[in-house]
């Protein structure tokens, strides 16, 4: 399994674990905010690392500022990365696939609530 796939699995796992923790009743609001900030930092680091791992795995050049832009705002940074590195139609396909993966990753925290209910 190559590095970009491992990082995407890490993103999914991060969201799943955050969803389980956020679903706990009686959790102190300050702890929730602290966990949210930690989640945000970990998510941005993983997206940043994915950009570099994808470039090195496929032997592609990293565009100037693409990794930083993906860490700051992932949808815009990924669009910039794909459209600079790939040709137009492969870039559209890669960007659409990344939006599907990001959507699944965002849905991941609600999976524990769907399975076990909000008790």
PDB file of N, CA and C in Angstrom:
ATOM      1  N   UNK A   1       0.850  -1.176   0.000  1.00  0.00           N
ATOM      2  CA  UNK A   1       0.000   0.000   0.000  1.00  0.00           C
ATOM      3  C   UNK A   1       0.895   1.238   0.000  1.00  0.00           C
ATOM      4  N   UNK A   2       0.610   2.167  -0.913  1.00  0.00           N
ATOM      5  CA  UNK A   2       1.473   3.333  -1.016  1.00  0.00           C
ATOM      6  C   UNK A   2       1.088   4.406   0.006  1.00  0.00           C
ATOM      7  N   UNK A   3       1.956   5.381   0.137  1.00  0.00           N
ATOM      8  CA  UNK A   3       1.821   6.392   1.194  1.00  0.00           C
ATOM      9  C   UNK A   3       0.552   7.236   1.079  1.00  0.00           C
ATOM     10  N   UNK A   4       0.129   7.697  -0.120  1.00  0.00           N
ATOM     11  CA  UNK A   4      -1.093   8.504  -0.161  1.00  0.00           C
ATOM     12  C   UNK A   4      -2.329   7.754   0.338  1.00  0.00           C
ATOM     13  N   UNK A   5      -2.408   6.460   0.047  1.00  0.00           N
ATOM     14  CA  UNK A   5      -3.551   5.663   0.523  1.00  0.00           C
ATOM     15  C   UNK A   5      -3.517   5.558   2.040  1.00  0.00           C
ATOM     16  N   UNK A   6      -2.335   5.364   2.606  1.00  0.00           N
ATOM     17  CA  UNK A   6      -2.212   5.288   4.064  1.00  0.00           C
ATOM     18  C   UNK A   6      -2.649   6.597   4.719  1.00  0.00           C
ATOM     19  N   UNK A   7      -2.314   7.708   4.093  1.00  0.00           N
ATOM     20  CA  UNK A   7      -2.688   9.014   4.658  1.00  0.00           C
ATOM     21  C   UNK A   7      -4.200   9.211   4.575  1.00  0.00           C
ATOM     22  N   UNK A   8      -4.832   8.773   3.487  1.00  0.00           N
ATOM     23  CA  UNK A   8      -6.290   8.875   3.377  1.00  0.00           C
ATOM     24  C   UNK A   8      -6.958   7.986   4.421  1.00  0.00           C
ATOM     25  N   UNK A   9      -6.417   6.806   4.660  1.00  0.00           N
ATOM     26  CA  UNK A   9      -6.945   5.934   5.715  1.00  0.00           C
ATOM     27  C   UNK A   9      -6.751   6.601   7.078  1.00  0.00           C
ATOM     28  N   UNK A  10      -5.624   7.283   7.263  1.00  0.00           N
ATOM     29  CA  UNK A  10      -5.398   8.038   8.497  1.00  0.00           C
ATOM     30  C   UNK A  10      -6.402   9.163   8.671  1.00  0.00           C
ATOM     31  N   UNK A  11      -6.753   9.860   7.583  1.00  0.00           N
ATOM     32  CA  UNK A  11      -7.769  10.907   7.651  1.00  0.00           C
ATOM     33  C   UNK A  11      -9.125  10.335   8.046  1.00  0.00           C
ATOM     34  N   UNK A  12      -9.488   9.209   7.432  1.00  0.00           N
ATOM     35  CA  UNK A  12     -10.759   8.564   7.776  1.00  0.00           C
ATOM     36  C   UNK A  12     -10.766   8.129   9.235  1.00  0.00           C
ATOM     37  N   UNK A  13      -9.666   7.530   9.693  1.00  0.00           N
ATOM     38  CA  UNK A  13      -9.573   7.080  11.086  1.00  0.00           C
ATOM     39  C   UNK A  13      -9.634   8.250  12.057  1.00  0.00           C
ATOM     40  N   UNK A  14      -8.955   9.350  11.711  1.00  0.00           N
ATOM     41  CA  UNK A  14      -8.994  10.545  12.553  1.00  0.00           C
ATOM     42  C   UNK A  14     -10.418  11.049  12.715  1.00  0.00           C
ATOM     43  N   UNK A  15     -11.169  11.106  11.625  1.00  0.00           N
ATOM     44  CA  UNK A  15     -12.542  11.571  11.695  1.00  0.00           C
ATOM     45  C   UNK A  15     -13.438  10.594  12.448  1.00  0.00           C
ATOM     46  N   UNK A  16     -13.208   9.310  12.273  1.00  0.00           N
ATOM     47  CA  UNK A  16     -14.004   8.308  12.982  1.00  0.00           C
ATOM     48  C   UNK A  16     -13.790   8.413  14.486  1.00  0.00           C
ATOM     49  N   UNK A  17     -12.523   8.513  14.903  1.00  0.00           N
ATOM     50  CA  UNK A  17     -12.216   8.618  16.334  1.00  0.00           C
ATOM     51  C   UNK A  17     -12.761   9.923  16.909  1.00  0.00           C
ATOM     52  N   UNK A  18     -12.631  11.018  16.163  1.00  0.00           N
ATOM     53  CA  UNK A  18     -13.173  12.292  16.624  1.00  0.00           C
ATOM     54  C   UNK A  18     -14.689  12.215  16.759  1.00  0.00           C
ATOM     55  N   UNK A  19     -15.338  11.500  15.847  1.00  0.00           N
ATOM     56  CA  UNK A  19     -16.786  11.329  15.941  1.00  0.00           C
ATOM     57  C   UNK A  19     -17.197  10.536  17.169  1.00  0.00           C
ATOM     58  N   UNK A  20     -16.424   9.509  17.508  1.00  0.00           N
ATOM     59  CA  UNK A  20     -16.724   8.725  18.713  1.00  0.00           C
ATOM     60  C   UNK A  20     -16.550   9.581  19.958  1.00  0.00           C
ATOM     61  N   UNK A  21     -15.455  10.334  20.032  1.00  0.00           N
ATOM     62  CA  UNK A  21     -15.189  11.169  21.206  1.00  0.00           C
ATOM     63  C   UNK A  21     -16.203  12.299  21.317  1.00  0.00           C
ATOM     64  N   UNK A  22     -16.525  12.936  20.179  1.00  0.00           N
ATOM     65  CA  UNK A  22     -17.473  14.051  20.200  1.00  0.00           C
ATOM     66  C   UNK A  22     -18.880  13.589  20.544  1.00  0.00           C
ATOM     67  N   UNK A  23     -19.180  12.319  20.330  1.00  0.00           N
ATOM     68  CA  UNK A  23     -20.503  11.798  20.632  1.00  0.00           C
ATOM     69  C   UNK A  23     -20.711  11.431  22.088  1.00  0.00           C
ATOM     70  N   UNK A  24     -19.680  11.530  22.909  1.00  0.00           N
ATOM     71  CA  UNK A  24     -19.820  11.193  24.321  1.00  0.00           C
ATOM     72  C   UNK A  24     -20.660  12.240  25.039  1.00  0.00           C
ATOM     73  N   UNK A  25     -21.571  11.772  25.852  1.00  0.00           N
ATOM     74  CA  UNK A  25     -22.394  12.696  26.631  1.00  0.00           C
ATOM     75  C   UNK A  25     -21.627  13.162  27.856  1.00  0.00           C
ATOM     76  N   UNK A  26     -21.933  14.362  28.284  1.00  0.00           N
ATOM     77  CA  UNK A  26     -21.333  14.895  29.498  1.00  0.00           C
ATOM     78  C   UNK A  26     -19.896  15.329  29.324  1.00  0.00           C
ATOM     79  N   UNK A  27     -19.458  15.507  28.097  1.00  0.00           N
ATOM     80  CA  UNK A  27     -18.090  15.938  27.855  1.00  0.00           C
ATOM     81  C   UNK A  27     -17.993  17.439  28.092  1.00  0.00           C
ATOM     82  N   UNK A  28     -16.989  17.849  28.828  1.00  0.00           N
ATOM     83  CA  UNK A  28     -16.778  19.259  29.137  1.00  0.00           C
ATOM     84  C   UNK A  28     -16.634  20.054  27.837  1.00  0.00           C
ATOM     85  N   UNK A  29     -17.330  21.194  27.700  1.00  0.00           N
ATOM     86  CA  UNK A  29     -17.227  21.977  26.453  1.00  0.00           C
ATOM     87  C   UNK A  29     -15.803  22.436  26.150  1.00  0.00           C
ATOM     88  N   UNK A  30     -15.009  22.719  27.192  1.00  0.00           N
ATOM     89  CA  UNK A  30     -13.627  23.142  26.960  1.00  0.00           C
ATOM     90  C   UNK A  30     -12.796  22.012  26.381  1.00  0.00           C
ATOM     91  N   UNK A  31     -13.071  20.797  26.819  1.00  0.00           N
ATOM     92  CA  UNK A  31     -12.363  19.637  26.268  1.00  0.00           C
ATOM     93  C   UNK A  31     -12.758  19.434  24.814  1.00  0.00           C
ATOM     94  N   UNK A  32     -14.030  19.652  24.509  1.00  0.00           N
ATOM     95  CA  UNK A  32     -14.493  19.520  23.129  1.00  0.00           C
ATOM     96  C   UNK A  32     -13.803  20.532  22.220  1.00  0.00           C
ATOM     97  N   UNK A  33     -13.665  21.771  22.688  1.00  0.00           N
ATOM     98  CA  UNK A  33     -12.978  22.798  21.900  1.00  0.00           C
ATOM     99  C   UNK A  33     -11.511  22.425  21.727  1.00  0.00           C
ATOM    100  N   UNK A  34     -10.875  21.958  22.785  1.00  0.00           N
ATOM    101  CA  UNK A  34      -9.478  21.540  22.716  1.00  0.00           C
ATOM    102  C   UNK A  34      -9.303  20.397  21.712  1.00  0.00           C
ATOM    103  N   UNK A  35     -10.210  19.416  21.761  1.00  0.00           N
ATOM    104  CA  UNK A  35     -10.147  18.303  20.816  1.00  0.00           C
ATOM    105  C   UNK A  35     -10.404  18.775  19.383  1.00  0.00           C
ATOM    106  N   UNK A  36     -11.304  19.746  19.227  1.00  0.00           N
ATOM    107  CA  UNK A  36     -11.576  20.287  17.897  1.00  0.00           C
ATOM    108  C   UNK A  36     -10.368  20.977  17.295  1.00  0.00           C
ATOM    109  N   UNK A  37      -9.645  21.725  18.107  1.00  0.00           N
ATOM    110  CA  UNK A  37      -8.433  22.384  17.625  1.00  0.00           C
ATOM    111  C   UNK A  37      -7.371  21.343  17.276  1.00  0.00           C
ATOM    112  N   UNK A  38      -7.224  20.331  18.107  1.00  0.00           N
ATOM    113  CA  UNK A  38      -6.285  19.251  17.809  1.00  0.00           C
ATOM    114  C   UNK A  38      -6.654  18.501  16.543  1.00  0.00           C
ATOM    115  N   UNK A  39      -7.959  18.283  16.356  1.00  0.00           N
ATOM    116  CA  UNK A  39      -8.437  17.634  15.137  1.00  0.00           C
ATOM    117  C   UNK A  39      -8.109  18.481  13.915  1.00  0.00           C
ATOM    118  N   UNK A  40      -8.350  19.791  14.002  1.00  0.00           N
ATOM    119  CA  UNK A  40      -8.086  20.700  12.884  1.00  0.00           C
ATOM    120  C   UNK A  40      -6.604  20.681  12.505  1.00  0.00           C
ATOM    121  N   UNK A  41      -5.736  20.726  13.496  1.00  0.00           N
ATOM    122  CA  UNK A  41      -4.295  20.709  13.232  1.00  0.00           C
ATOM    123  C   UNK A  41      -3.883  19.370  12.616  1.00  0.00           C
ATOM    124  N   UNK A  42      -4.376  18.258  13.175  1.00  0.00           N
ATOM    125  CA  UNK A  42      -4.018  16.939  12.649  1.00  0.00           C
ATOM    126  C   UNK A  42      -4.536  16.754  11.231  1.00  0.00           C
ATOM    127  N   UNK A  43      -5.751  17.232  10.956  1.00  0.00           N
ATOM    128  CA  UNK A  43      -6.320  17.133   9.613  1.00  0.00           C
ATOM    129  C   UNK A  43      -5.471  17.904   8.605  1.00  0.00           C
ATOM    130  N   UNK A  44      -5.080  19.124   8.964  1.00  0.00           N
ATOM    131  CA  UNK A  44      -4.273  19.935   8.056  1.00  0.00           C
ATOM    132  C   UNK A  44      -2.895  19.329   7.823  1.00  0.00           C
ATOM    133  N   UNK A  45      -2.305  18.771   8.851  1.00  0.00           N
ATOM    134  CA  UNK A  45      -0.997  18.122   8.690  1.00  0.00           C
ATOM    135  C   UNK A  45      -1.115  16.907   7.767  1.00  0.00           C
ATOM    136  N   UNK A  46      -2.184  16.124   7.917  1.00  0.00           N
ATOM    137  CA  UNK A  46      -2.354  14.958   7.058  1.00  0.00           C
ATOM    138  C   UNK A  46      -2.605  15.352   5.601  1.00  0.00           C
ATOM    139  N   UNK A  47      -3.395  16.399   5.367  1.00  0.00           N
ATOM    140  CA  UNK A  47      -3.612  16.845   3.987  1.00  0.00           C
ATOM    141  C   UNK A  47      -2.309  17.388   3.390  1.00  0.00           C
ATOM    142  N   UNK A  48      -1.554  18.108   4.191  1.00  0.00           N
ATOM    143  CA  UNK A  48      -0.247  18.625   3.758  1.00  0.00           C
ATOM    144  C   UNK A  48       0.680  17.468   3.380  1.00  0.00           C
ATOM    145  N   UNK A  49       0.721  16.455   4.209  1.00  0.00           N
ATOM    146  CA  UNK A  49       1.579  15.307   3.945  1.00  0.00           C
ATOM    147  C   UNK A  49       1.094  14.501   2.746  1.00  0.00           C
ATOM    148  N   UNK A  50      -0.231  14.443   2.550  1.00  0.00           N
ATOM    149  CA  UNK A  50      -0.751  13.718   1.397  1.00  0.00           C
ATOM    150  C   UNK A  50      -0.281  14.361   0.100  1.00  0.00           C
ATOM    151  N   UNK A  51      -0.272  15.662   0.056  1.00  0.00           N
ATOM    152  CA  UNK A  51       0.154  16.384  -1.143  1.00  0.00           C
ATOM    153  C   UNK A  51       1.603  16.023  -1.488  1.00  0.00           C
ATOM    154  N   UNK A  52       2.473  16.019  -0.518  1.00  0.00           N
ATOM    155  CA  UNK A  52       3.866  15.647  -0.744  1.00  0.00           C
ATOM    156  C   UNK A  52       4.027  14.175  -1.081  1.00  0.00           C
ATOM    157  N   UNK A  53       3.264  13.306  -0.407  1.00  0.00           N
ATOM    158  CA  UNK A  53       3.369  11.871  -0.665  1.00  0.00           C
ATOM    159  C   UNK A  53       2.860  11.519  -2.061  1.00  0.00           C
ATOM    160  N   UNK A  54       1.802  12.181  -2.495  1.00  0.00           N
ATOM    161  CA  UNK A  54       1.279  11.927  -3.836  1.00  0.00           C
ATOM    162  C   UNK A  54       2.291  12.362  -4.894  1.00  0.00           C
ATOM    163  N   UNK A  55       2.920  13.502  -4.686  1.00  0.00           N
ATOM    164  CA  UNK A  55       3.918  13.974  -5.644  1.00  0.00           C
ATOM    165  C   UNK A  55       5.123  13.050  -5.703  1.00  0.00           C
ATOM    166  N   UNK A  56       5.611  12.625  -4.559  1.00  0.00           N
ATOM    167  CA  UNK A  56       6.790  11.757  -4.561  1.00  0.00           C
ATOM    168  C   UNK A  56       6.460  10.353  -5.059  1.00  0.00           C
ATOM    169  N   UNK A  57       5.252   9.874  -4.782  1.00  0.00           N
ATOM    170  CA  UNK A  57       4.857   8.538  -5.229  1.00  0.00           C
ATOM    171  C   UNK A  57       4.734   8.481  -6.745  1.00  0.00           C
ATOM    172  N   UNK A  58       4.234   9.550  -7.350  1.00  0.00           N
ATOM    173  CA  UNK A  58       4.040   9.585  -8.804  1.00  0.00           C
ATOM    174  C   UNK A  58       5.158  10.331  -9.523  1.00  0.00           C
ATOM    175  N   UNK A  59       6.192  10.732  -8.796  1.00  0.00           N
ATOM    176  CA  UNK A  59       7.341  11.459  -9.350  1.00  0.00           C
ATOM    177  C   UNK A  59       6.904  12.710 -10.100  1.00  0.00           C
ATOM    178  N   UNK A  60       6.032  13.483  -9.457  1.00  0.00           N
ATOM    179  CA  UNK A  60       5.532  14.726 -10.041  1.00  0.00           C
ATOM    180  C   UNK A  60       6.141  15.908  -9.300  1.00  0.00           C
ATOM    181  N   UNK A  61       6.324  17.031  -9.978  1.00  0.00           N
ATOM    182  CA  UNK A  61       6.834  18.218  -9.277  1.00  0.00           C
ATOM    183  C   UNK A  61       5.747  18.829  -8.390  1.00  0.00           C
ATOM    184  N   UNK A  62       6.166  19.355  -7.261  1.00  0.00           N
ATOM    185  CA  UNK A  62       5.221  20.021  -6.362  1.00  0.00           C
ATOM    186  C   UNK A  62       5.167  21.498  -6.752  1.00  0.00           C
ATOM    187  N   UNK A  63       3.982  22.006  -7.124  1.00  0.00           N
ATOM    188  CA  UNK A  63       3.885  23.419  -7.487  1.00  0.00           C
ATOM    189  C   UNK A  63       4.190  24.321  -6.294  1.00  0.00           C
ATOM    190  N   UNK A  64       4.685  25.519  -6.589  1.00  0.00           N
ATOM    191  CA  UNK A  64       5.030  26.466  -5.536  1.00  0.00           C
ATOM    192  C   UNK A  64       3.787  26.809  -4.705  1.00  0.00           C
ATOM    193  N   UNK A  65       3.867  26.596  -3.414  1.00  0.00           N
ATOM    194  CA  UNK A  65       2.801  26.956  -2.488  1.00  0.00           C
ATOM    195  C   UNK A  65       1.641  25.989  -2.415  1.00  0.00           C
ATOM    196  N   UNK A  66       1.669  24.899  -3.177  1.00  0.00           N
ATOM    197  CA  UNK A  66       0.525  23.983  -3.200  1.00  0.00           C
ATOM    198  C   UNK A  66       0.344  23.264  -1.868  1.00  0.00           C
ATOM    199  N   UNK A  67       1.441  22.801  -1.286  1.00  0.00           N
ATOM    200  CA  UNK A  67       1.308  22.084  -0.013  1.00  0.00           C
ATOM    201  C   UNK A  67       0.783  22.996   1.081  1.00  0.00           C
ATOM    202  N   UNK A  68       1.269  24.230   1.117  1.00  0.00           N
ATOM    203  CA  UNK A  68       0.806  25.172   2.143  1.00  0.00           C
ATOM    204  C   UNK A  68      -0.655  25.533   1.922  1.00  0.00           C
ATOM    205  N   UNK A  69      -1.055  25.739   0.680  1.00  0.00           N
ATOM    206  CA  UNK A  69      -2.439  26.083   0.392  1.00  0.00           C
ATOM    207  C   UNK A  69      -3.376  24.927   0.721  1.00  0.00           C
ATOM    208  N   UNK A  70      -2.940  23.679   0.493  1.00  0.00           N
ATOM    209  CA  UNK A  70      -3.784  22.544   0.861  1.00  0.00           C
ATOM    210  C   UNK A  70      -3.933  22.426   2.363  1.00  0.00           C
ATOM    211  N   UNK A  71      -2.904  22.802   3.105  1.00  0.00           N
ATOM    212  CA  UNK A  71      -3.010  22.757   4.563  1.00  0.00           C
ATOM    213  C   UNK A  71      -3.914  23.855   5.098  1.00  0.00           C
ATOM    214  N   UNK A  72      -3.921  25.010   4.435  1.00  0.00           N
ATOM    215  CA  UNK A  72      -4.737  26.131   4.905  1.00  0.00           C
ATOM    216  C   UNK A  72      -6.193  25.936   4.507  1.00  0.00           C
ATOM    217  N   UNK A  73      -6.455  25.612   3.259  1.00  0.00           N
ATOM    218  CA  UNK A  73      -7.826  25.450   2.767  1.00  0.00           C
ATOM    219  C   UNK A  73      -7.811  24.328   1.740  1.00  0.00           C
ATOM    220  N   UNK A  74      -8.156  23.122   2.171  1.00  0.00           N
ATOM    221  CA  UNK A  74      -7.975  21.920   1.358  1.00  0.00           C
ATOM    222  C   UNK A  74      -8.679  21.951   0.000  1.00  0.00           C
ATOM    223  N   UNK A  75      -9.960  22.313  -0.105  1.00  0.00           N
ATOM    224  CA  UNK A  75     -10.585  22.261  -1.441  1.00  0.00           C
ATOM    225  C   UNK A  75      -9.910  23.175  -2.465  1.00  0.00           C
ATOM    226  N   UNK A  76      -9.535  24.376  -2.068  1.00  0.00           N
ATOM    227  CA  UNK A  76      -8.867  25.292  -2.990  1.00  0.00           C
ATOM    228  C   UNK A  76      -7.440  24.835  -3.284  1.00  0.00           C
ATOM    229  N   UNK A  77      -6.731  24.389  -2.263  1.00  0.00           N
ATOM    230  CA  UNK A  77      -5.362  23.928  -2.450  1.00  0.00           C
ATOM    231  C   UNK A  77      -5.273  22.685  -3.311  1.00  0.00           C
ATOM    232  N   UNK A  78      -6.222  21.758  -3.132  1.00  0.00           N
ATOM    233  CA  UNK A  78      -6.213  20.559  -3.969  1.00  0.00           C
ATOM    234  C   UNK A  78      -6.527  20.895  -5.420  1.00  0.00           C
ATOM    235  N   UNK A  79      -7.443  21.834  -5.647  1.00  0.00           N
ATOM    236  CA  UNK A  79      -7.741  22.249  -7.026  1.00  0.00           C
ATOM    237  C   UNK A  79      -6.495  22.846  -7.662  1.00  0.00           C
ATOM    238  N   UNK A  80      -5.812  23.719  -6.940  1.00  0.00           N
ATOM    239  CA  UNK A  80      -4.578  24.318  -7.460  1.00  0.00           C
ATOM    240  C   UNK A  80      -3.543  23.238  -7.753  1.00  0.00           C
ATOM    241  N   UNK A  81      -3.367  22.317  -6.825  1.00  0.00           N
ATOM    242  CA  UNK A  81      -2.385  21.243  -6.987  1.00  0.00           C
ATOM    243  C   UNK A  81      -2.701  20.401  -8.221  1.00  0.00           C
ATOM    244  N   UNK A  82      -3.943  19.951  -8.352  1.00  0.00           N
ATOM    245  CA  UNK A  82      -4.303  19.074  -9.463  1.00  0.00           C
ATOM    246  C   UNK A  82      -4.204  19.785 -10.811  1.00  0.00           C
ATOM    247  N   UNK A  83      -4.671  21.025 -10.887  1.00  0.00           N
ATOM    248  CA  UNK A  83      -4.670  21.710 -12.175  1.00  0.00           C
ATOM    249  C   UNK A  83      -3.273  22.158 -12.610  1.00  0.00           C
ATOM    250  N   UNK A  84      -2.346  22.305 -11.687  1.00  0.00           N
ATOM    251  CA  UNK A  84      -0.975  22.629 -12.074  1.00  0.00           C
ATOM    252  C   UNK A  84      -0.192  21.370 -12.437  1.00  0.00           C
ATOM    253  N   UNK A  85      -0.396  20.288 -11.706  1.00  0.00           N
ATOM    254  CA  UNK A  85       0.394  19.067 -11.903  1.00  0.00           C
ATOM    255  C   UNK A  85      -0.134  18.231 -13.069  1.00  0.00           C
ATOM    256  N   UNK A  86      -1.455  18.062 -13.163  1.00  0.00           N
ATOM    257  CA  UNK A  86      -2.036  17.212 -14.205  1.00  0.00           C
ATOM    258  C   UNK A  86      -2.532  18.055 -15.378  1.00  0.00           C
ATOM    259  N   UNK A  87      -2.865  17.376 -16.473  1.00  0.00           N
ATOM    260  CA  UNK A  87      -3.532  18.051 -17.579  1.00  0.00           C
ATOM    261  C   UNK A  87      -4.975  18.340 -17.177  1.00  0.00           C
ATOM    262  N   UNK A  88      -5.727  19.019 -18.053  1.00  0.00           N
ATOM    263  CA  UNK A  88      -7.043  19.536 -17.672  1.00  0.00           C
ATOM    264  C   UNK A  88      -8.029  18.434 -17.292  1.00  0.00           C
ATOM    265  N   UNK A  89      -8.268  17.457 -18.176  1.00  0.00           N
ATOM    266  CA  UNK A  89      -9.285  16.446 -17.887  1.00  0.00           C
ATOM    267  C   UNK A  89      -8.876  15.493 -16.759  1.00  0.00           C
ATOM    268  N   UNK A  90      -7.624  15.025 -16.696  1.00  0.00           N
ATOM    269  CA  UNK A  90      -7.244  14.240 -15.519  1.00  0.00           C
ATOM    270  C   UNK A  90      -7.338  15.042 -14.220  1.00  0.00           C
ATOM    271  N   UNK A  91      -7.095  16.348 -14.309  1.00  0.00           N
ATOM    272  CA  UNK A  91      -7.198  17.190 -13.120  1.00  0.00           C
ATOM    273  C   UNK A  91      -8.638  17.281 -12.644  1.00  0.00           C
ATOM    274  N   UNK A  92      -9.576  17.393 -13.584  1.00  0.00           N
ATOM    275  CA  UNK A  92     -10.992  17.438 -13.202  1.00  0.00           C
ATOM    276  C   UNK A  92     -11.391  16.126 -12.523  1.00  0.00           C
ATOM    277  N   UNK A  93     -10.970  14.996 -13.098  1.00  0.00           N
ATOM    278  CA  UNK A  93     -11.289  13.700 -12.488  1.00  0.00           C
ATOM    279  C   UNK A  93     -10.673  13.537 -11.112  1.00  0.00           C
ATOM    280  N   UNK A  94      -9.419  13.931 -10.973  1.00  0.00           N
ATOM    281  CA  UNK A  94      -8.748  13.816  -9.672  1.00  0.00           C
ATOM    282  C   UNK A  94      -9.396  14.726  -8.641  1.00  0.00           C
ATOM    283  N   UNK A  95      -9.785  15.938  -9.064  1.00  0.00           N
ATOM    284  CA  UNK A  95     -10.422  16.863  -8.130  1.00  0.00           C
ATOM    285  C   UNK A  95     -11.792  16.356  -7.701  1.00  0.00           C
ATOM    286  N   UNK A  96     -12.565  15.816  -8.626  1.00  0.00           N
ATOM    287  CA  UNK A  96     -13.872  15.255  -8.268  1.00  0.00           C
ATOM    288  C   UNK A  96     -13.713  14.066  -7.313  1.00  0.00           C
ATOM    289  N   UNK A  97     -12.713  13.222  -7.582  1.00  0.00           N
ATOM    290  CA  UNK A  97     -12.451  12.100  -6.673  1.00  0.00           C
ATOM    291  C   UNK A  97     -12.044  12.604  -5.293  1.00  0.00           C
ATOM    292  N   UNK A  98     -11.226  13.662  -5.249  1.00  0.00           N
ATOM    293  CA  UNK A  98     -10.826  14.199  -3.942  1.00  0.00           C
ATOM    294  C   UNK A  98     -12.019  14.797  -3.203  1.00  0.00           C
ATOM    295  N   UNK A  99     -12.958  15.417  -3.917  1.00  0.00           N
ATOM    296  CA  UNK A  99     -14.162  15.944  -3.258  1.00  0.00           C
ATOM    297  C   UNK A  99     -15.027  14.821  -2.707  1.00  0.00           C
ATOM    298  N   UNK A 100     -15.099  13.690  -3.434  1.00  0.00           N
ATOM    299  CA  UNK A 100     -15.842  12.535  -2.925  1.00  0.00           C
ATOM    300  C   UNK A 100     -15.175  12.001  -1.657  1.00  0.00           C
ATOM    301  N   UNK A 101     -13.847  11.893  -1.681  1.00  0.00           N
ATOM    302  CA  UNK A 101     -13.127  11.389  -0.508  1.00  0.00           C
ATOM    303  C   UNK A 101     -13.284  12.350   0.670  1.00  0.00           C
ATOM    304  N   UNK A 102     -13.179  13.667   0.423  1.00  0.00           N
ATOM    305  CA  UNK A 102     -13.353  14.642   1.501  1.00  0.00           C
ATOM    306  C   UNK A 102     -14.765  14.557   2.069  1.00  0.00           C
ATOM    307  N   UNK A 103     -15.770  14.372   1.195  1.00  0.00           N
ATOM    308  CA  UNK A 103     -17.148  14.237   1.668  1.00  0.00           C
ATOM    309  C   UNK A 103     -17.303  12.999   2.537  1.00  0.00           C
ATOM    310  N   UNK A 104     -16.717  11.883   2.117  1.00  0.00           N
ATOM    311  CA  UNK A 104     -16.783  10.666   2.936  1.00  0.00           C
ATOM    312  C   UNK A 104     -16.060  10.847   4.262  1.00  0.00           C
ATOM    313  N   UNK A 105     -14.950  11.574   4.237  1.00  0.00           N
ATOM    314  CA  UNK A 105     -14.205  11.811   5.465  1.00  0.00           C
ATOM    315  C   UNK A 105     -15.000  12.707   6.405  1.00  0.00           C
ATOM    316  N   UNK A 106     -15.725  13.667   5.859  1.00  0.00           N
ATOM    317  CA  UNK A 106     -16.543  14.549   6.701  1.00  0.00           C
ATOM    318  C   UNK A 106     -17.722  13.785   7.286  1.00  0.00           C
ATOM    319  N   UNK A 107     -18.255  12.822   6.548  1.00  0.00           N
ATOM    320  CA  UNK A 107     -19.378  12.021   7.037  1.00  0.00           C
ATOM    321  C   UNK A 107     -18.917  11.021   8.099  1.00  0.00           C
ATOM    322  N   UNK A 108     -17.644  10.658   8.098  1.00  0.00           N
ATOM    323  CA  UNK A 108     -17.124   9.624   9.002  1.00  0.00           C
ATOM    324  C   UNK A 108     -17.428   9.867  10.474  1.00  0.00           C
ATOM    325  N   UNK A 109     -17.370  11.100  11.006  1.00  0.00           N
ATOM    326  CA  UNK A 109     -17.677  11.250  12.427  1.00  0.00           C
ATOM    327  C   UNK A 109     -19.102  10.893  12.794  1.00  0.00           C
ATOM    328  N   UNK A 110     -20.036  10.935  11.853  1.00  0.00           N
ATOM    329  CA  UNK A 110     -21.419  10.608  12.188  1.00  0.00           C
ATOM    330  C   UNK A 110     -21.703   9.116  12.108  1.00  0.00           C
ATOM    331  N   UNK A 111     -20.771   8.325  11.594  1.00  0.00           N
ATOM    332  CA  UNK A 111     -20.989   6.879  11.488  1.00  0.00           C
ATOM    333  C   UNK A 111     -21.201   6.231  12.858  1.00  0.00           C
ATOM    334  N   UNK A 112     -20.381   6.544  13.880  1.00  0.00           N
ATOM    335  CA  UNK A 112     -20.659   5.944  15.198  1.00  0.00           C
ATOM    336  C   UNK A 112     -22.030   6.323  15.745  1.00  0.00           C
ATOM    337  N   UNK A 113     -22.470   7.554  15.500  1.00  0.00           N
ATOM    338  CA  UNK A 113     -23.794   7.961  15.971  1.00  0.00           C
ATOM    339  C   UNK A 113     -24.891   7.211  15.240  1.00  0.00           C
ATOM    340  N   UNK A 114     -24.690   6.942  13.959  1.00  0.00           N
ATOM    341  CA  UNK A 114     -25.677   6.186  13.209  1.00  0.00           C
ATOM    342  C   UNK A 114     -25.721   4.747  13.684  1.00  0.00           C
ATOM    343  N   UNK A 115     -24.559   4.164  13.952  1.00  0.00           N
ATOM    344  CA  UNK A 115     -24.503   2.759  14.380  1.00  0.00           C
ATOM    345  C   UNK A 115     -25.053   2.587  15.787  1.00  0.00           C
ATOM    346  N   UNK A 116     -24.574   3.381  16.740  1.00  0.00           N
ATOM    347  CA  UNK A 116     -24.946   3.175  18.134  1.00  0.00           C
ATOM    348  C   UNK A 116     -26.045   4.103  18.618  1.00  0.00           C
ATOM    349  N   UNK A 117     -26.431   5.048  17.812  1.00  0.00           N
ATOM    350  CA  UNK A 117     -27.472   5.991  18.223  1.00  0.00           C
ATOM    351  C   UNK A 117     -26.928   7.029  19.165  1.00  0.00           C
ATOM    352  N   UNK A 118     -27.663   8.077  19.334  1.00  0.00           N
ATOM    353  CA  UNK A 118     -27.243   9.165  20.226  1.00  0.00           C
ATOM    354  C   UNK A 118     -27.870   8.942  21.597  1.00  0.00           C
ATOM    355  N   UNK A 119     -27.253   8.060  22.367  1.00  0.00           N
ATOM    356  CA  UNK A 119     -27.816   7.724  23.693  1.00  0.00           C
ATOM    357  C   UNK A 119     -27.157   8.508  24.785  1.00  0.00           C
TER     358      UNK A 119
END
